[in-house]
Amino acid sequence: MHELTIVKDIFSTLEEHYQTKVDDIQKIQITAGLLSNVQPVLIQNAFDAFITDNPSYQNMELEVVVNDIVAHCHKCDKDFKVLYHKFVCDCGTPSADIVQGNELYISQVIFKQTL
């Protein structure tokens, strides 16, 4: 289950970047492309398991945003959404030039509001 490794890497990145403010994080949003081989349900389960084992993070939430696969057609010079794993532009030209869909990154970190 590589999702647990991904979750551990997310927290390592947060700890490295935010250091003492990590406890003030309320919500983490990650963006995963359909080709990133990340299943939202499995990453949520791994996240829940991780925060259960790390009580200081128990109030954090995770949101997973899934990006569609988008490729670029060099014949008509436009981007197109890949449907049903068919990498063929509307003009009929095949293309494997992926511009979106294989990414995996922390897209947003929301901190608790202090009064």
Protein backbone atom coordinates (compact mmCIF):
# COMPACT_ATOMS: atom_id res chain seq x y z
CA MET A 1 0.00 0.00 0.00
CA HIS A 2 2.00 2.95 -1.27
CA GLU A 3 -0.64 5.40 -0.03
CA LEU A 4 0.73 5.19 3.54
CA THR A 5 4.19 6.09 2.24
CA ILE A 6 2.66 9.04 0.38
CA VAL A 7 0.89 10.23 3.52
CA LYS A 8 4.11 9.95 5.55
CA ASP A 9 5.90 11.97 2.84
CA ILE A 10 3.16 14.62 2.98
CA PHE A 11 3.63 15.00 6.74
CA SER A 12 7.42 15.05 6.40
CA THR A 13 7.10 17.85 3.85
CA LEU A 14 4.72 19.79 6.10
CA GLU A 15 6.97 19.35 9.13
CA GLU A 16 10.01 20.44 7.15
CA HIS A 17 8.31 23.46 5.62
CA TYR A 18 6.11 24.69 8.50
CA GLN A 19 8.10 23.28 11.47
CA THR A 20 6.40 24.46 14.69
CA LYS A 21 3.19 25.54 12.93
CA VAL A 22 2.27 21.99 11.86
CA ASP A 23 -0.02 21.61 14.89
CA ASP A 24 -2.01 24.62 13.64
CA ILE A 25 -2.90 22.99 10.32
CA GLN A 26 -6.62 22.36 9.99
CA LYS A 27 -6.88 20.97 6.48
CA ILE A 28 -4.57 19.63 3.78
CA GLN A 29 -5.61 19.47 0.15
CA ILE A 30 -3.72 17.30 -2.29
CA THR A 31 -4.17 17.22 -6.03
CA ALA A 32 -3.77 13.89 -7.78
CA GLY A 33 -4.03 13.26 -11.48
CA LEU A 34 -5.83 10.17 -12.73
CA LEU A 35 -2.50 8.78 -13.95
CA SER A 36 -0.76 9.27 -10.59
CA ASN A 37 -1.93 5.85 -9.42
CA VAL A 38 -3.45 7.33 -6.25
CA GLN A 39 -6.90 6.18 -5.18
CA PRO A 40 -8.72 8.88 -3.13
CA VAL A 41 -10.40 6.31 -0.85
CA LEU A 42 -7.12 4.53 -0.14
CA ILE A 43 -5.22 7.76 0.51
CA GLN A 44 -8.01 8.86 2.88
CA ASN A 45 -7.78 5.53 4.72
CA ALA A 46 -3.99 5.86 4.98
CA PHE A 47 -4.38 9.46 6.21
CA ASP A 48 -6.92 8.35 8.87
CA ALA A 49 -4.58 5.56 10.02
CA PHE A 50 -1.64 7.97 10.21
CA ILE A 51 -3.45 10.60 12.28
CA THR A 52 -4.80 7.89 14.59
CA ASP A 53 -1.21 6.87 15.34
CA ASN A 54 -0.15 10.54 15.71
CA PRO A 55 -2.55 12.21 18.18
CA SER A 56 -1.18 15.72 17.59
CA TYR A 57 -2.61 15.58 14.04
CA GLN A 58 -6.03 14.15 14.91
CA ASN A 59 -7.94 17.36 14.13
CA MET A 60 -6.58 17.63 10.58
CA GLU A 61 -8.70 16.97 7.54
CA LEU A 62 -7.68 15.75 4.11
CA GLU A 63 -9.25 16.67 0.80
CA VAL A 64 -8.22 14.93 -2.40
CA VAL A 65 -8.83 16.75 -5.69
CA VAL A 66 -8.61 14.49 -8.73
CA ASN A 67 -7.47 16.01 -12.03
CA ASP A 68 -8.60 14.62 -15.36
CA ILE A 69 -6.11 13.51 -17.97
CA VAL A 70 -5.42 16.25 -20.52
CA ALA A 71 -3.15 15.82 -23.55
CA HIS A 72 -1.92 18.22 -26.22
CA CYS A 73 -2.46 17.76 -29.94
CA HIS A 74 0.40 19.09 -32.03
CA LYS A 75 -1.60 18.90 -35.25
CA CYS A 76 -4.33 21.37 -34.21
CA ASP A 77 -2.32 22.88 -31.32
CA LYS A 78 -4.95 22.45 -28.62
CA ASP A 79 -5.36 20.57 -25.37
CA PHE A 80 -8.03 17.87 -25.09
CA LYS A 81 -9.49 15.80 -22.28
CA VAL A 82 -8.64 12.11 -22.49
CA LEU A 83 -11.79 10.02 -22.15
CA TYR A 84 -11.88 6.25 -21.63
CA HIS A 85 -8.07 6.13 -21.96
CA LYS A 86 -8.25 7.14 -25.63
CA PHE A 87 -5.42 9.57 -26.28
CA VAL A 88 -6.99 10.85 -29.50
CA CYS A 89 -7.81 14.51 -30.18
CA ASP A 90 -11.17 15.66 -31.55
CA CYS A 91 -9.41 16.10 -34.90
CA GLY A 92 -8.59 12.36 -34.92
CA THR A 93 -4.87 12.68 -34.24
CA PRO A 94 -3.40 10.44 -31.52
CA SER A 95 -1.20 12.13 -28.93
CA ALA A 96 0.58 10.98 -25.80
CA ASP A 97 1.80 14.47 -24.90
CA ILE A 98 0.28 14.64 -21.40
CA VAL A 99 -0.11 18.13 -19.93
CA GLN A 100 -2.22 17.16 -16.90
CA GLY A 101 -3.08 13.96 -15.12
CA ASN A 102 0.11 12.50 -13.70
CA GLU A 103 0.69 15.06 -10.94
CA LEU A 104 0.59 14.53 -7.18
CA TYR A 105 1.21 17.49 -4.90
CA ILE A 106 0.06 19.38 -1.82
CA SER A 107 -2.14 22.05 -3.35
CA GLN A 108 -3.38 23.83 -0.24
CA VAL A 109 -2.69 24.02 3.48
CA ILE A 110 -5.32 25.69 5.67
CA PHE A 111 -4.43 26.80 9.17
CA LYS A 112 -6.74 27.13 12.16
CA GLN A 113 -7.93 30.67 12.66
CA THR A 114 -6.77 32.24 15.87
CA LEU A 115 -8.69 34.99 17.59
